Amino acid sequence: MQLLHLGDLELTLPLAAAAGAWMLAARAWRPAGAWVLLYSGVIALVGGSKIAYLGWGLDIAMLDFKAFSGHAAGVTAVYPVLGYLLCRPAGRRCALAAAGTGLALGLAMAVALVGQEEHAFAEAATGWLLGAAASVGTVCQAERHATYRSTDQAEPRGVVPGPAAAVCAVAVFFASAWLMQSAHVGYWMIRLAMVLSGNAQPYSWDTCG
């Protein structure tokens, strides 16, 4: 299903890096800091839960929960923030509507993952909640940043960098995407789980309990 590819780490991580570059270029230090911390936290929790299952078989059998859904978390974290940043020049309402659309896209991703039997309901739902916490937290910081800068403006300008900064964000996206092509994250996650646990083989995603 094509929708699922929107949550691939090879896409969402470069987009997340571009969003961070956008905010830094706009000198929105607090929103950028919030984004880095919150998104890094999402990556750490998702990756940590996957390593815990692959290495030790840690799960919640009653809920068929093995790990947080990275696709649901990634889409719900990245696309609301990206939509907000892209639409902020058009005004606050447009930006918040775009962020809301991103959250809805994340929900659609979670539903699709369950429908395609890629994840259990608990995995998709908790992944969505993780991503929503990151994106909503970042947007709230961006709105505070806009309010503080609006002393002589009828409408807060918000996180709006110039053309050169937009080019920088695009460059960061393509550079990150190029690096992700050779990262082999899944392979190294399995290797790390095996090294940490001391097991010769990882636990299979097909078993739970």
N, C-alpha and C. Protein backbone atom coordinates (compact mmCIF):
# COMPACT_ATOMS: atom_id res chain seq x y z
N MET A 1 0.85 -1.19 0.00
CA MET A 1 0.00 0.00 0.00
C MET A 1 0.89 1.24 0.00
N GLN A 2 0.66 2.17 -0.95
CA GLN A 2 1.53 3.32 -1.11
C GLN A 2 1.55 4.22 0.11
N LEU A 3 0.44 4.31 0.83
CA LEU A 3 0.38 5.16 2.02
C LEU A 3 1.45 4.79 3.02
N LEU A 4 1.72 3.50 3.16
CA LEU A 4 2.68 3.04 4.16
C LEU A 4 4.08 3.57 3.89
N HIS A 5 4.42 3.81 2.63
CA HIS A 5 5.76 4.29 2.30
C HIS A 5 6.01 5.70 2.81
N LEU A 6 4.95 6.45 3.11
CA LEU A 6 5.12 7.79 3.67
C LEU A 6 5.76 7.74 5.05
N GLY A 7 5.71 6.57 5.69
CA GLY A 7 6.30 6.42 7.01
C GLY A 7 7.67 5.78 7.02
N ASP A 8 8.23 5.50 5.85
CA ASP A 8 9.56 4.89 5.79
C ASP A 8 10.58 5.82 6.43
N LEU A 9 11.47 5.27 7.23
CA LEU A 9 12.49 6.08 7.90
C LEU A 9 13.38 6.80 6.89
N GLU A 10 13.58 6.18 5.73
CA GLU A 10 14.41 6.80 4.69
C GLU A 10 13.80 8.10 4.18
N LEU A 11 12.50 8.31 4.43
CA LEU A 11 11.83 9.55 4.04
C LEU A 11 11.61 10.47 5.24
N THR A 12 11.09 9.90 6.33
CA THR A 12 10.72 10.75 7.47
C THR A 12 11.93 11.36 8.18
N LEU A 13 13.03 10.62 8.26
CA LEU A 13 14.21 11.17 8.94
C LEU A 13 14.81 12.36 8.17
N PRO A 14 14.99 12.27 6.84
CA PRO A 14 15.45 13.47 6.11
C PRO A 14 14.47 14.64 6.21
N LEU A 15 13.17 14.36 6.20
CA LEU A 15 12.19 15.43 6.36
C LEU A 15 12.30 16.07 7.74
N ALA A 16 12.54 15.25 8.76
CA ALA A 16 12.71 15.77 10.11
C ALA A 16 13.95 16.65 10.19
N ALA A 17 15.02 16.23 9.54
CA ALA A 17 16.25 17.02 9.52
C ALA A 17 16.03 18.35 8.81
N ALA A 18 15.28 18.31 7.71
CA ALA A 18 14.98 19.54 6.96
C ALA A 18 14.14 20.49 7.80
N ALA A 19 13.17 19.95 8.54
CA ALA A 19 12.34 20.79 9.41
C ALA A 19 13.20 21.46 10.49
N GLY A 20 14.13 20.71 11.05
CA GLY A 20 15.03 21.29 12.04
C GLY A 20 15.89 22.39 11.46
N ALA A 21 16.41 22.17 10.24
CA ALA A 21 17.23 23.18 9.57
C ALA A 21 16.40 24.44 9.29
N TRP A 22 15.14 24.24 8.91
CA TRP A 22 14.23 25.36 8.64
C TRP A 22 14.09 26.25 9.88
N MET A 23 13.85 25.61 11.03
CA MET A 23 13.65 26.38 12.26
C MET A 23 14.93 27.06 12.72
N LEU A 24 16.05 26.37 12.57
CA LEU A 24 17.33 26.99 12.94
C LEU A 24 17.63 28.19 12.05
N ALA A 25 17.34 28.05 10.75
CA ALA A 25 17.58 29.15 9.82
C ALA A 25 16.70 30.35 10.14
N ALA A 26 15.50 30.07 10.69
CA ALA A 26 14.59 31.15 11.09
C ALA A 26 14.93 31.71 12.47
N ARG A 27 16.00 31.19 13.07
CA ARG A 27 16.42 31.59 14.41
C ARG A 27 15.33 31.35 15.45
N ALA A 28 14.56 30.33 15.19
CA ALA A 28 13.54 29.91 16.16
C ALA A 28 14.19 28.86 17.06
N TRP A 29 15.00 29.33 17.99
CA TRP A 29 15.84 28.43 18.76
C TRP A 29 15.04 27.47 19.64
N ARG A 30 14.04 27.98 20.33
CA ARG A 30 13.26 27.11 21.22
C ARG A 30 12.44 26.07 20.45
N PRO A 31 11.72 26.46 19.39
CA PRO A 31 11.04 25.43 18.60
C PRO A 31 12.00 24.40 18.02
N ALA A 32 13.16 24.88 17.54
CA ALA A 32 14.15 23.94 16.99
C ALA A 32 14.67 23.00 18.06
N GLY A 33 14.94 23.55 19.25
CA GLY A 33 15.41 22.70 20.35
C GLY A 33 14.36 21.70 20.78
N ALA A 34 13.10 22.16 20.84
CA ALA A 34 12.01 21.25 21.20
C ALA A 34 11.88 20.14 20.17
N TRP A 35 12.00 20.49 18.89
CA TRP A 35 11.88 19.50 17.83
C TRP A 35 12.99 18.45 17.92
N VAL A 36 14.21 18.91 18.11
CA VAL A 36 15.33 17.97 18.21
C VAL A 36 15.14 17.03 19.39
N LEU A 37 14.78 17.56 20.54
CA LEU A 37 14.62 16.73 21.74
C LEU A 37 13.44 15.77 21.60
N LEU A 38 12.30 16.28 21.15
CA LEU A 38 11.10 15.45 21.07
C LEU A 38 11.22 14.39 19.98
N TYR A 39 11.72 14.78 18.81
CA TYR A 39 11.85 13.80 17.74
C TYR A 39 12.91 12.76 18.09
N SER A 40 14.01 13.20 18.69
CA SER A 40 15.03 12.25 19.12
C SER A 40 14.46 11.27 20.15
N GLY A 41 13.60 11.79 21.02
CA GLY A 41 12.96 10.92 22.00
C GLY A 41 12.08 9.87 21.34
N VAL A 42 11.34 10.28 20.31
CA VAL A 42 10.51 9.33 19.57
C VAL A 42 11.37 8.24 18.94
N ILE A 43 12.46 8.65 18.28
CA ILE A 43 13.36 7.69 17.64
C ILE A 43 13.94 6.73 18.68
N ALA A 44 14.34 7.28 19.84
CA ALA A 44 14.93 6.45 20.88
C ALA A 44 13.93 5.44 21.44
N LEU A 45 12.69 5.87 21.67
CA LEU A 45 11.68 4.97 22.22
C LEU A 45 11.29 3.89 21.22
N VAL A 46 11.09 4.28 19.97
CA VAL A 46 10.73 3.30 18.95
C VAL A 46 11.88 2.31 18.75
N GLY A 47 13.08 2.84 18.56
CA GLY A 47 14.24 1.97 18.36
C GLY A 47 14.52 1.10 19.56
N GLY A 48 14.41 1.69 20.76
CA GLY A 48 14.65 0.92 21.97
C GLY A 48 13.67 -0.22 22.15
N SER A 49 12.40 0.03 21.83
CA SER A 49 11.39 -1.02 21.97
C SER A 49 11.63 -2.15 20.98
N LYS A 50 12.08 -1.80 19.77
CA LYS A 50 12.37 -2.83 18.77
C LYS A 50 13.58 -3.66 19.17
N ILE A 51 14.62 -2.99 19.68
CA ILE A 51 15.82 -3.70 20.12
C ILE A 51 15.49 -4.61 21.30
N ALA A 52 14.64 -4.12 22.22
CA ALA A 52 14.25 -4.93 23.38
C ALA A 52 13.53 -6.20 22.95
N TYR A 53 12.69 -6.09 21.92
CA TYR A 53 12.00 -7.29 21.46
C TYR A 53 12.94 -8.21 20.68
N LEU A 54 13.70 -7.64 19.76
CA LEU A 54 14.61 -8.45 18.95
C LEU A 54 15.65 -9.17 19.80
N GLY A 55 16.14 -8.50 20.84
CA GLY A 55 17.19 -9.09 21.66
C GLY A 55 16.70 -9.99 22.77
N TRP A 56 15.64 -9.61 23.43
CA TRP A 56 15.18 -10.34 24.61
C TRP A 56 13.75 -10.87 24.48
N GLY A 57 13.06 -10.53 23.42
CA GLY A 57 11.69 -10.98 23.26
C GLY A 57 10.72 -10.29 24.20
N LEU A 58 11.07 -9.09 24.67
CA LEU A 58 10.20 -8.36 25.59
C LEU A 58 8.95 -7.88 24.86
N ASP A 59 7.80 -8.24 25.37
CA ASP A 59 6.54 -7.86 24.74
C ASP A 59 5.44 -7.80 25.78
N ILE A 60 4.28 -7.39 25.34
CA ILE A 60 3.07 -7.45 26.17
C ILE A 60 2.11 -8.35 25.42
N ALA A 61 2.17 -9.63 25.73
CA ALA A 61 1.44 -10.64 24.96
C ALA A 61 -0.06 -10.39 24.96
N MET A 62 -0.59 -9.89 26.07
CA MET A 62 -2.03 -9.67 26.18
C MET A 62 -2.52 -8.67 25.13
N LEU A 63 -1.66 -7.71 24.79
CA LEU A 63 -2.01 -6.68 23.80
C LEU A 63 -1.39 -6.96 22.44
N ASP A 64 -0.66 -8.08 22.33
CA ASP A 64 0.07 -8.39 21.10
C ASP A 64 1.04 -7.25 20.75
N PHE A 65 1.63 -6.67 21.80
CA PHE A 65 2.52 -5.52 21.62
C PHE A 65 3.97 -5.97 21.68
N LYS A 66 4.70 -5.71 20.59
CA LYS A 66 6.14 -6.02 20.55
C LYS A 66 6.97 -4.74 20.58
N ALA A 67 6.54 -3.73 19.82
CA ALA A 67 7.30 -2.48 19.74
C ALA A 67 6.39 -1.38 19.21
N PHE A 68 6.76 -0.14 19.53
CA PHE A 68 6.02 1.00 18.97
C PHE A 68 6.14 1.00 17.45
N SER A 69 5.09 1.37 16.78
CA SER A 69 5.12 1.46 15.32
C SER A 69 5.94 2.67 14.89
N GLY A 70 7.05 2.41 14.22
CA GLY A 70 7.88 3.50 13.72
C GLY A 70 7.21 4.29 12.62
N HIS A 71 6.43 3.60 11.79
CA HIS A 71 5.74 4.30 10.69
C HIS A 71 4.68 5.25 11.24
N ALA A 72 3.86 4.77 12.18
CA ALA A 72 2.83 5.64 12.77
C ALA A 72 3.46 6.80 13.52
N ALA A 73 4.51 6.53 14.27
CA ALA A 73 5.18 7.59 15.03
C ALA A 73 5.85 8.59 14.10
N GLY A 74 6.53 8.09 13.07
CA GLY A 74 7.24 8.98 12.16
C GLY A 74 6.33 9.91 11.39
N VAL A 75 5.27 9.36 10.84
CA VAL A 75 4.33 10.18 10.07
C VAL A 75 3.67 11.23 10.97
N THR A 76 3.24 10.81 12.17
CA THR A 76 2.53 11.72 13.06
C THR A 76 3.45 12.77 13.66
N ALA A 77 4.73 12.47 13.76
CA ALA A 77 5.68 13.46 14.26
C ALA A 77 6.08 14.45 13.18
N VAL A 78 6.40 13.96 12.00
CA VAL A 78 7.05 14.79 10.98
C VAL A 78 6.07 15.61 10.16
N TYR A 79 5.01 15.01 9.64
CA TYR A 79 4.16 15.71 8.68
C TYR A 79 3.37 16.88 9.29
N PRO A 80 2.89 16.79 10.53
CA PRO A 80 2.25 17.99 11.10
C PRO A 80 3.21 19.17 11.23
N VAL A 81 4.44 18.91 11.66
CA VAL A 81 5.43 19.98 11.79
C VAL A 81 5.80 20.54 10.43
N LEU A 82 6.00 19.66 9.47
CA LEU A 82 6.34 20.11 8.12
C LEU A 82 5.21 20.94 7.52
N GLY A 83 3.97 20.48 7.69
CA GLY A 83 2.82 21.23 7.18
C GLY A 83 2.70 22.59 7.85
N TYR A 84 2.93 22.62 9.14
CA TYR A 84 2.88 23.89 9.88
C TYR A 84 3.91 24.87 9.34
N LEU A 85 5.14 24.42 9.16
CA LEU A 85 6.21 25.30 8.70
C LEU A 85 5.95 25.81 7.28
N LEU A 86 5.49 24.93 6.41
CA LEU A 86 5.26 25.33 5.02
C LEU A 86 4.10 26.31 4.89
N CYS A 87 3.09 26.17 5.76
CA CYS A 87 1.89 27.01 5.65
C CYS A 87 1.92 28.22 6.57
N ARG A 88 2.92 28.33 7.43
CA ARG A 88 2.96 29.46 8.37
C ARG A 88 3.00 30.82 7.68
N PRO A 89 3.67 30.97 6.52
CA PRO A 89 3.64 32.27 5.84
C PRO A 89 2.24 32.72 5.44
N ALA A 90 1.31 31.75 5.28
CA ALA A 90 -0.06 32.08 4.90
C ALA A 90 -0.91 32.46 6.10
N GLY A 91 -0.36 32.36 7.30
CA GLY A 91 -1.11 32.74 8.48
C GLY A 91 -1.25 31.62 9.49
N ARG A 92 -1.62 31.99 10.70
CA ARG A 92 -1.70 31.05 11.81
C ARG A 92 -2.77 29.98 11.58
N ARG A 93 -3.94 30.39 11.13
CA ARG A 93 -5.02 29.41 10.94
C ARG A 93 -4.65 28.37 9.90
N CYS A 94 -4.06 28.84 8.81
CA CYS A 94 -3.66 27.91 7.75
C CYS A 94 -2.61 26.93 8.27
N ALA A 95 -1.66 27.44 9.05
CA ALA A 95 -0.60 26.60 9.58
C ALA A 95 -1.14 25.55 10.55
N LEU A 96 -2.05 25.96 11.43
CA LEU A 96 -2.62 25.02 12.39
C LEU A 96 -3.50 23.99 11.69
N ALA A 97 -4.20 24.42 10.63
CA ALA A 97 -5.00 23.48 9.85
C ALA A 97 -4.11 22.44 9.18
N ALA A 98 -2.96 22.89 8.68
CA ALA A 98 -2.01 21.97 8.05
C ALA A 98 -1.46 20.98 9.08
N ALA A 99 -1.19 21.47 10.28
CA ALA A 99 -0.71 20.58 11.34
C ALA A 99 -1.78 19.55 11.70
N GLY A 100 -3.03 20.00 11.77
CA GLY A 100 -4.12 19.07 12.04
C GLY A 100 -4.28 18.03 10.96
N THR A 101 -4.08 18.44 9.71
CA THR A 101 -4.13 17.50 8.59
C THR A 101 -3.03 16.46 8.72
N GLY A 102 -1.86 16.90 9.18
CA GLY A 102 -0.76 15.97 9.40
C GLY A 102 -1.08 14.94 10.46
N LEU A 103 -1.74 15.38 11.53
CA LEU A 103 -2.17 14.44 12.57
C LEU A 103 -3.17 13.44 12.02
N ALA A 104 -4.08 13.92 11.17
CA ALA A 104 -5.06 13.03 10.54
C ALA A 104 -4.37 12.03 9.62
N LEU A 105 -3.33 12.48 8.92
CA LEU A 105 -2.56 11.57 8.07
C LEU A 105 -1.90 10.48 8.91
N GLY A 106 -1.38 10.88 10.07
CA GLY A 106 -0.80 9.89 10.97
C GLY A 106 -1.82 8.88 11.45
N LEU A 107 -3.05 9.35 11.72
CA LEU A 107 -4.11 8.45 12.13
C LEU A 107 -4.46 7.49 11.00
N ALA A 108 -4.51 8.01 9.78
CA ALA A 108 -4.77 7.15 8.62
C ALA A 108 -3.68 6.10 8.47
N MET A 109 -2.44 6.49 8.73
CA MET A 109 -1.33 5.55 8.67
C MET A 109 -1.51 4.44 9.71
N ALA A 110 -1.88 4.83 10.94
CA ALA A 110 -2.08 3.84 12.00
C ALA A 110 -3.19 2.86 11.64
N VAL A 111 -4.29 3.38 11.10
CA VAL A 111 -5.40 2.52 10.69
C VAL A 111 -4.96 1.58 9.57
N ALA A 112 -4.20 2.10 8.61
CA ALA A 112 -3.73 1.28 7.49
C ALA A 112 -2.79 0.18 7.98
N LEU A 113 -1.94 0.50 8.93
CA LEU A 113 -1.00 -0.49 9.46
C LEU A 113 -1.74 -1.64 10.13
N VAL A 114 -2.80 -1.31 10.88
CA VAL A 114 -3.59 -2.36 11.52
C VAL A 114 -4.37 -3.14 10.46
N GLY A 115 -4.96 -2.42 9.49
CA GLY A 115 -5.73 -3.08 8.44
C GLY A 115 -4.89 -4.00 7.58
N GLN A 116 -3.64 -3.62 7.33
CA GLN A 116 -2.73 -4.45 6.53
C GLN A 116 -2.02 -5.51 7.38
N GLU A 117 -2.37 -5.56 8.67
CA GLU A 117 -1.78 -6.50 9.63
C GLU A 117 -0.26 -6.35 9.73
N GLU A 118 0.20 -5.10 9.56
CA GLU A 118 1.62 -4.81 9.75
C GLU A 118 1.92 -4.58 11.23
N HIS A 119 0.93 -4.12 11.97
CA HIS A 119 1.08 -3.86 13.40
C HIS A 119 -0.21 -4.21 14.12
N ALA A 120 -0.08 -4.55 15.39
CA ALA A 120 -1.25 -4.71 16.25
C ALA A 120 -1.80 -3.33 16.58
N PHE A 121 -3.04 -3.29 17.03
CA PHE A 121 -3.68 -2.01 17.36
C PHE A 121 -2.86 -1.25 18.40
N ALA A 122 -2.41 -1.94 19.45
CA ALA A 122 -1.67 -1.27 20.52
C ALA A 122 -0.38 -0.66 19.99
N GLU A 123 0.29 -1.32 19.07
CA GLU A 123 1.55 -0.81 18.51
C GLU A 123 1.31 0.43 17.67
N ALA A 124 0.28 0.39 16.84
CA ALA A 124 -0.03 1.53 15.98
C ALA A 124 -0.54 2.71 16.79
N ALA A 125 -1.41 2.44 17.77
CA ALA A 125 -1.99 3.52 18.58
C ALA A 125 -0.92 4.22 19.42
N THR A 126 -0.06 3.45 20.06
CA THR A 126 0.99 4.07 20.88
C THR A 126 2.02 4.79 20.01
N GLY A 127 2.26 4.27 18.81
CA GLY A 127 3.14 4.97 17.89
C GLY A 127 2.56 6.32 17.50
N TRP A 128 1.25 6.34 17.23
CA TRP A 128 0.59 7.61 16.89
C TRP A 128 0.69 8.60 18.05
N LEU A 129 0.49 8.12 19.27
CA LEU A 129 0.55 9.00 20.44
C LEU A 129 1.96 9.58 20.62
N LEU A 130 2.98 8.77 20.40
CA LEU A 130 4.35 9.26 20.50
C LEU A 130 4.60 10.37 19.48
N GLY A 131 4.22 10.10 18.24
CA GLY A 131 4.42 11.09 17.19
C GLY A 131 3.64 12.36 17.45
N ALA A 132 2.40 12.22 17.92
CA ALA A 132 1.57 13.39 18.20
C ALA A 132 2.17 14.24 19.31
N ALA A 133 2.74 13.59 20.31
CA ALA A 133 3.37 14.35 21.40
C ALA A 133 4.52 15.20 20.87
N ALA A 134 5.31 14.63 19.95
CA ALA A 134 6.45 15.37 19.39
C ALA A 134 5.99 16.53 18.52
N SER A 135 5.03 16.28 17.64
CA SER A 135 4.60 17.34 16.71
C SER A 135 3.82 18.43 17.42
N VAL A 136 2.90 18.06 18.30
CA VAL A 136 2.11 19.06 19.01
C VAL A 136 3.01 19.90 19.92
N GLY A 137 3.95 19.25 20.59
CA GLY A 137 4.88 19.98 21.44
C GLY A 137 5.70 20.99 20.66
N THR A 138 6.14 20.60 19.47
CA THR A 138 6.94 21.50 18.64
C THR A 138 6.10 22.66 18.11
N VAL A 139 4.89 22.37 17.65
CA VAL A 139 4.01 23.43 17.14
C VAL A 139 3.67 24.42 18.25
N CYS A 140 3.44 23.92 19.46
CA CYS A 140 3.15 24.83 20.58
C CYS A 140 4.33 25.76 20.84
N GLN A 141 5.54 25.23 20.78
CA GLN A 141 6.72 26.07 20.95
C GLN A 141 6.84 27.08 19.82
N ALA A 142 6.53 26.66 18.60
CA ALA A 142 6.58 27.58 17.46
C ALA A 142 5.56 28.70 17.60
N GLU A 143 4.38 28.38 18.13
CA GLU A 143 3.36 29.40 18.34
C GLU A 143 3.79 30.40 19.42
N ARG A 144 4.43 29.91 20.46
CA ARG A 144 4.95 30.82 21.49
C ARG A 144 6.02 31.72 20.89
N HIS A 145 6.87 31.16 20.06
CA HIS A 145 7.91 31.93 19.39
C HIS A 145 7.29 33.03 18.54
N ALA A 146 6.21 32.70 17.83
CA ALA A 146 5.54 33.69 16.98
C ALA A 146 4.92 34.80 17.82
N THR A 147 4.33 34.43 18.96
CA THR A 147 3.69 35.42 19.82
C THR A 147 4.71 36.41 20.38
N TYR A 148 5.86 35.89 20.79
CA TYR A 148 6.89 36.76 21.35
C TYR A 148 7.44 37.74 20.33
N ARG A 149 7.35 37.40 19.05
CA ARG A 149 7.91 38.26 18.00
C ARG A 149 6.88 39.23 17.42
N SER A 150 5.67 39.23 17.96
CA SER A 150 4.58 39.97 17.32
C SER A 150 4.30 41.32 17.98
N THR A 151 5.28 41.92 18.62
CA THR A 151 5.05 43.17 19.35
C THR A 151 4.57 44.30 18.45
N ASP A 152 5.01 44.33 17.19
CA ASP A 152 4.61 45.41 16.28
C ASP A 152 3.93 44.87 15.03
N GLN A 153 3.31 43.68 15.16
CA GLN A 153 2.63 43.07 14.02
C GLN A 153 1.22 42.67 14.43
N ALA A 154 0.28 42.87 13.52
CA ALA A 154 -1.09 42.44 13.80
C ALA A 154 -1.18 40.92 13.82
N GLU A 155 -0.38 40.28 12.96
CA GLU A 155 -0.35 38.81 12.88
C GLU A 155 1.07 38.36 13.16
N PRO A 156 1.29 37.45 14.12
CA PRO A 156 2.64 36.97 14.37
C PRO A 156 3.26 36.39 13.09
N ARG A 157 4.51 36.74 12.86
CA ARG A 157 5.16 36.30 11.64
C ARG A 157 5.49 34.81 11.68
N GLY A 158 5.85 34.32 12.86
CA GLY A 158 6.10 32.90 12.99
C GLY A 158 7.45 32.47 12.47
N VAL A 159 7.58 31.18 12.21
CA VAL A 159 8.84 30.58 11.77
C VAL A 159 8.92 30.68 10.26
N VAL A 160 9.38 31.82 9.77
CA VAL A 160 9.39 32.06 8.32
C VAL A 160 10.79 32.52 7.90
N PRO A 161 11.67 31.61 7.46
CA PRO A 161 12.99 32.01 7.00
C PRO A 161 12.94 32.55 5.58
N GLY A 162 14.03 33.14 5.15
CA GLY A 162 14.12 33.66 3.79
C GLY A 162 14.41 32.57 2.78
N PRO A 163 14.51 32.93 1.50
CA PRO A 163 14.76 31.96 0.43
C PRO A 163 16.04 31.16 0.64
N ALA A 164 17.11 31.81 1.11
CA ALA A 164 18.37 31.11 1.31
C ALA A 164 18.23 30.01 2.36
N ALA A 165 17.45 30.29 3.41
CA ALA A 165 17.23 29.29 4.45
C ALA A 165 16.40 28.12 3.92
N ALA A 166 15.43 28.41 3.06
CA ALA A 166 14.64 27.34 2.46
C ALA A 166 15.52 26.44 1.61
N VAL A 167 16.45 27.05 0.88
CA VAL A 167 17.40 26.27 0.08
C VAL A 167 18.25 25.39 0.99
N CYS A 168 18.64 25.94 2.13
CA CYS A 168 19.43 25.18 3.11
C CYS A 168 18.65 23.96 3.60
N ALA A 169 17.36 24.15 3.89
CA ALA A 169 16.53 23.04 4.35
C ALA A 169 16.42 21.96 3.29
N VAL A 170 16.26 22.37 2.04
CA VAL A 170 16.19 21.40 0.94
C VAL A 170 17.51 20.64 0.82
N ALA A 171 18.62 21.36 0.95
CA ALA A 171 19.93 20.72 0.87
C ALA A 171 20.12 19.70 1.98
N VAL A 172 19.67 20.04 3.19
CA VAL A 172 19.76 19.12 4.32
C VAL A 172 18.92 17.88 4.05
N PHE A 173 17.74 18.07 3.45
CA PHE A 173 16.90 16.92 3.14
C PHE A 173 17.60 15.95 2.19
N PHE A 174 18.13 16.47 1.10
CA PHE A 174 18.76 15.59 0.11
C PHE A 174 20.03 14.95 0.65
N ALA A 175 20.79 15.70 1.46
CA ALA A 175 22.00 15.13 2.05
C ALA A 175 21.64 13.99 3.01
N SER A 176 20.60 14.21 3.83
CA SER A 176 20.17 13.18 4.77
C SER A 176 19.61 11.96 4.04
N ALA A 177 18.85 12.21 2.97
CA ALA A 177 18.29 11.11 2.19
C ALA A 177 19.39 10.27 1.57
N TRP A 178 20.44 10.93 1.08
CA TRP A 178 21.57 10.21 0.49
C TRP A 178 22.27 9.36 1.53
N LEU A 179 22.46 9.89 2.74
CA LEU A 179 23.10 9.14 3.81
C LEU A 179 22.25 7.94 4.24
N MET A 180 20.93 8.13 4.25
CA MET A 180 20.04 7.05 4.68
C MET A 180 20.04 5.87 3.73
N GLN A 181 20.41 6.10 2.47
CA GLN A 181 20.44 5.02 1.49
C GLN A 181 21.43 3.93 1.88
N SER A 182 22.48 4.30 2.58
CA SER A 182 23.50 3.32 2.96
C SER A 182 23.54 3.07 4.46
N ALA A 183 22.53 3.54 5.17
CA ALA A 183 22.54 3.40 6.63
C ALA A 183 22.18 1.99 7.08
N HIS A 184 21.25 1.31 6.38
CA HIS A 184 20.83 -0.05 6.73
C HIS A 184 20.43 -0.14 8.20
N VAL A 185 19.51 0.73 8.60
CA VAL A 185 19.13 0.86 10.00
C VAL A 185 18.61 -0.46 10.57
N GLY A 186 17.77 -1.15 9.80
CA GLY A 186 17.21 -2.41 10.28
C GLY A 186 18.27 -3.44 10.58
N TYR A 187 19.26 -3.54 9.71
CA TYR A 187 20.35 -4.51 9.90
C TYR A 187 21.12 -4.21 11.17
N TRP A 188 21.49 -2.94 11.37
CA TRP A 188 22.28 -2.58 12.54
C TRP A 188 21.47 -2.68 13.82
N MET A 189 20.17 -2.50 13.73
CA MET A 189 19.32 -2.66 14.90
C MET A 189 19.33 -4.12 15.36
N ILE A 190 19.24 -5.03 14.39
CA ILE A 190 19.29 -6.46 14.71
C ILE A 190 20.65 -6.83 15.30
N ARG A 191 21.72 -6.34 14.68
CA ARG A 191 23.07 -6.63 15.16
C ARG A 191 23.25 -6.12 16.60
N LEU A 192 22.77 -4.92 16.87
CA LEU A 192 22.90 -4.35 18.21
C LEU A 192 22.11 -5.16 19.23
N ALA A 193 20.91 -5.59 18.85
CA ALA A 193 20.09 -6.39 19.75
C ALA A 193 20.78 -7.71 20.09
N MET A 194 21.41 -8.33 19.10
CA MET A 194 22.10 -9.60 19.33
C MET A 194 23.34 -9.41 20.20
N VAL A 195 24.09 -8.33 19.96
CA VAL A 195 25.29 -8.07 20.76
C VAL A 195 24.92 -7.79 22.22
N LEU A 196 23.91 -6.96 22.44
CA LEU A 196 23.53 -6.60 23.79
C LEU A 196 22.94 -7.77 24.56
N SER A 197 22.14 -8.60 23.88
CA SER A 197 21.48 -9.72 24.55
C SER A 197 22.36 -10.95 24.64
N GLY A 198 23.35 -11.05 23.76
CA GLY A 198 24.21 -12.23 23.74
C GLY A 198 23.58 -13.41 23.03
N ASN A 199 22.42 -13.22 22.42
CA ASN A 199 21.75 -14.30 21.70
C ASN A 199 22.33 -14.44 20.30
N ALA A 200 22.32 -15.67 19.79
CA ALA A 200 22.85 -15.92 18.45
C ALA A 200 21.86 -15.52 17.37
N GLN A 201 20.56 -15.51 17.70
CA GLN A 201 19.53 -15.18 16.73
C GLN A 201 18.55 -14.18 17.35
N PRO A 202 18.03 -13.27 16.56
CA PRO A 202 17.03 -12.34 17.10
C PRO A 202 15.68 -13.02 17.23
N TYR A 203 14.83 -12.49 18.08
CA TYR A 203 13.46 -12.98 18.17
C TYR A 203 12.71 -12.60 16.91
N SER A 204 11.83 -13.49 16.46
CA SER A 204 11.08 -13.24 15.24
C SER A 204 9.87 -12.37 15.52
N TRP A 205 9.55 -11.47 14.56
CA TRP A 205 8.36 -10.63 14.70
C TRP A 205 7.08 -11.46 14.60
N ASP A 206 7.19 -12.71 14.16
CA ASP A 206 6.00 -13.55 13.98
C ASP A 206 5.56 -14.23 15.27
N THR A 207 6.36 -14.06 16.34
CA THR A 207 6.00 -14.69 17.61
C THR A 207 5.80 -13.63 18.67
N CYS A 208 4.93 -13.90 19.57
CA CYS A 208 4.67 -12.96 20.67
C CYS A 208 4.19 -13.75 21.88
N GLY A 209 4.73 -13.42 23.05
CA GLY A 209 4.30 -14.10 24.25
C GLY A 209 5.32 -15.07 24.79
